[in-house]
């Protein structure tokens, strides 16, 4: 039986924790107001973020969340390389997915966290 991966989600603006493991920024755009030194990340997988078109359409509107999740999962299915890379990180040990959105329940990291838990546990 394989050990389930530990997958956390955290705003990139929050301080790192001792149990974060590999810290991966999963946004396409660099977070506003932060320098690379302040982000405390190990990897930036901008290719795994939603397309600009999908991001603009969603606009962080919770009413569009179910459709955003469906469309984002379709984009991820059509772009398997970054998904496989994230999955490798998740299988290797604890991972923290970093995102800049203010809404902690309706953002791309939430979808990615769900997807990774479906694939590797956690």
Protein backbone atom coordinates (compact mmCIF):
# COMPACT_ATOMS: atom_id res chain seq x y z
CA UNK A 1 0.00 0.00 0.00
CA UNK A 2 1.50 3.35 -1.01
CA UNK A 3 1.57 6.27 1.37
CA UNK A 4 -0.84 9.07 0.42
CA UNK A 5 0.78 12.31 -0.60
CA UNK A 6 0.41 15.33 1.64
CA UNK A 7 -0.96 18.15 -0.51
CA UNK A 8 -1.51 21.59 0.97
CA UNK A 9 -2.84 24.80 -0.56
CA UNK A 10 -1.56 28.17 0.57
CA UNK A 11 -1.68 31.79 -0.52
CA UNK A 12 1.74 32.82 -1.78
CA UNK A 13 1.57 35.87 0.51
CA UNK A 14 1.43 33.72 3.67
CA UNK A 15 4.66 32.69 5.42
CA UNK A 16 6.02 29.21 4.69
CA UNK A 17 5.37 26.43 7.18
CA UNK A 18 7.67 23.72 8.47
CA UNK A 19 5.56 20.96 6.86
CA UNK A 20 5.18 22.55 3.41
CA UNK A 21 7.51 20.17 1.60
CA UNK A 22 8.04 21.21 -2.01
CA UNK A 23 6.47 24.63 -2.59
CA UNK A 24 5.09 25.08 -6.12
CA UNK A 25 3.61 28.28 -7.52
CA UNK A 26 0.72 27.26 -9.81
CA UNK A 27 -0.28 30.67 -11.20
CA UNK A 28 0.50 31.89 -14.70
CA UNK A 29 1.21 35.44 -13.54
CA UNK A 30 3.82 36.47 -10.99
CA UNK A 31 2.13 37.52 -7.70
CA UNK A 32 1.75 41.28 -7.32
CA UNK A 33 4.10 43.05 -4.96
CA UNK A 34 6.36 40.09 -4.23
CA UNK A 35 10.00 39.64 -5.08
CA UNK A 36 11.41 36.23 -5.92
CA UNK A 37 13.17 36.23 -2.56
CA UNK A 38 9.89 36.71 -0.67
CA UNK A 39 7.97 33.93 -2.42
CA UNK A 40 9.89 30.99 -0.90
CA UNK A 41 9.07 28.56 -3.69
CA UNK A 42 10.90 25.58 -5.13
CA UNK A 43 9.21 25.53 -8.56
CA UNK A 44 6.95 27.68 -10.71
CA UNK A 45 4.65 25.59 -12.92
CA UNK A 46 3.01 28.42 -14.84
CA UNK A 47 2.16 26.01 -17.69
CA UNK A 48 -0.32 24.24 -15.38
CA UNK A 49 -2.34 27.41 -14.73
CA UNK A 50 -5.61 28.18 -16.53
CA UNK A 51 -5.32 29.83 -19.93
CA UNK A 52 -5.61 33.60 -20.03
CA UNK A 53 -8.98 33.21 -21.77
CA UNK A 54 -10.36 30.96 -19.04
CA UNK A 55 -8.91 33.11 -16.27
CA UNK A 56 -10.49 36.27 -17.71
CA UNK A 57 -13.84 34.52 -18.28
CA UNK A 58 -13.93 33.23 -14.67
CA UNK A 59 -12.88 36.50 -13.05
CA UNK A 60 -13.02 34.77 -9.63
CA UNK A 61 -16.84 34.81 -9.77
CA UNK A 62 -18.05 32.05 -7.40
CA UNK A 63 -21.23 31.69 -9.49
CA UNK A 64 -19.04 30.48 -12.37
CA UNK A 65 -17.07 28.04 -10.20
CA UNK A 66 -18.65 24.73 -11.35
CA UNK A 67 -18.18 25.65 -15.01
CA UNK A 68 -14.66 26.97 -14.34
CA UNK A 69 -13.68 23.67 -12.74
CA UNK A 70 -15.07 21.72 -15.71
CA UNK A 71 -13.32 23.92 -18.27
CA UNK A 72 -10.03 23.96 -16.33
CA UNK A 73 -10.03 20.16 -16.03
CA UNK A 74 -10.57 19.98 -19.81
CA UNK A 75 -7.55 22.27 -20.34
CA UNK A 76 -5.48 20.10 -18.01
CA UNK A 77 -6.50 16.93 -19.86
CA UNK A 78 -5.36 18.56 -23.12
CA UNK A 79 -2.01 19.56 -21.57
CA UNK A 80 -0.78 16.43 -19.75
CA UNK A 81 2.95 17.25 -19.40
CA UNK A 82 2.70 19.80 -16.56
CA UNK A 83 0.04 17.67 -14.85
CA UNK A 84 2.42 14.68 -14.94
CA UNK A 85 5.20 16.89 -13.54
CA UNK A 86 3.02 18.02 -10.65
CA UNK A 87 1.96 14.43 -10.04
CA UNK A 88 5.64 13.39 -9.77
CA UNK A 89 6.22 16.06 -7.12
CA UNK A 90 3.14 14.90 -5.21
CA UNK A 91 4.25 11.27 -5.28
CA UNK A 92 7.73 12.22 -4.02
CA UNK A 93 6.58 13.82 -0.79
CA UNK A 94 4.68 16.70 0.77
CA UNK A 95 3.71 19.49 -1.62
CA UNK A 96 2.27 22.95 -1.06
CA UNK A 97 0.48 24.53 -4.02
CA UNK A 98 0.93 28.29 -3.92
CA UNK A 99 -1.58 30.72 -5.44
CA UNK A 100 -2.19 34.47 -5.27
CA UNK A 101 -6.01 34.63 -5.37
CA UNK A 102 -7.82 36.19 -2.41
CA UNK A 103 -10.62 33.60 -2.59
CA UNK A 104 -9.29 30.47 -0.90
CA UNK A 105 -12.18 28.26 -2.09
CA UNK A 106 -12.51 29.25 -5.75
CA UNK A 107 -9.14 29.25 -7.49
CA UNK A 108 -7.04 27.07 -9.77
CA UNK A 109 -5.01 25.58 -6.89
CA UNK A 110 -8.22 24.11 -5.44
CA UNK A 111 -8.87 22.28 -8.71
CA UNK A 112 -5.25 21.12 -8.93
CA UNK A 113 -5.31 19.92 -5.32
CA UNK A 114 -8.46 17.89 -5.98
CA UNK A 115 -6.99 16.44 -9.15
CA UNK A 116 -3.76 15.42 -7.43
CA UNK A 117 -5.64 13.85 -4.51
CA UNK A 118 -7.68 11.84 -7.02
CA UNK A 119 -4.47 10.64 -8.70
CA UNK A 120 -2.14 10.06 -5.77
CA UNK A 121 -4.22 10.32 -2.60
CA UNK A 122 -3.66 12.83 0.17
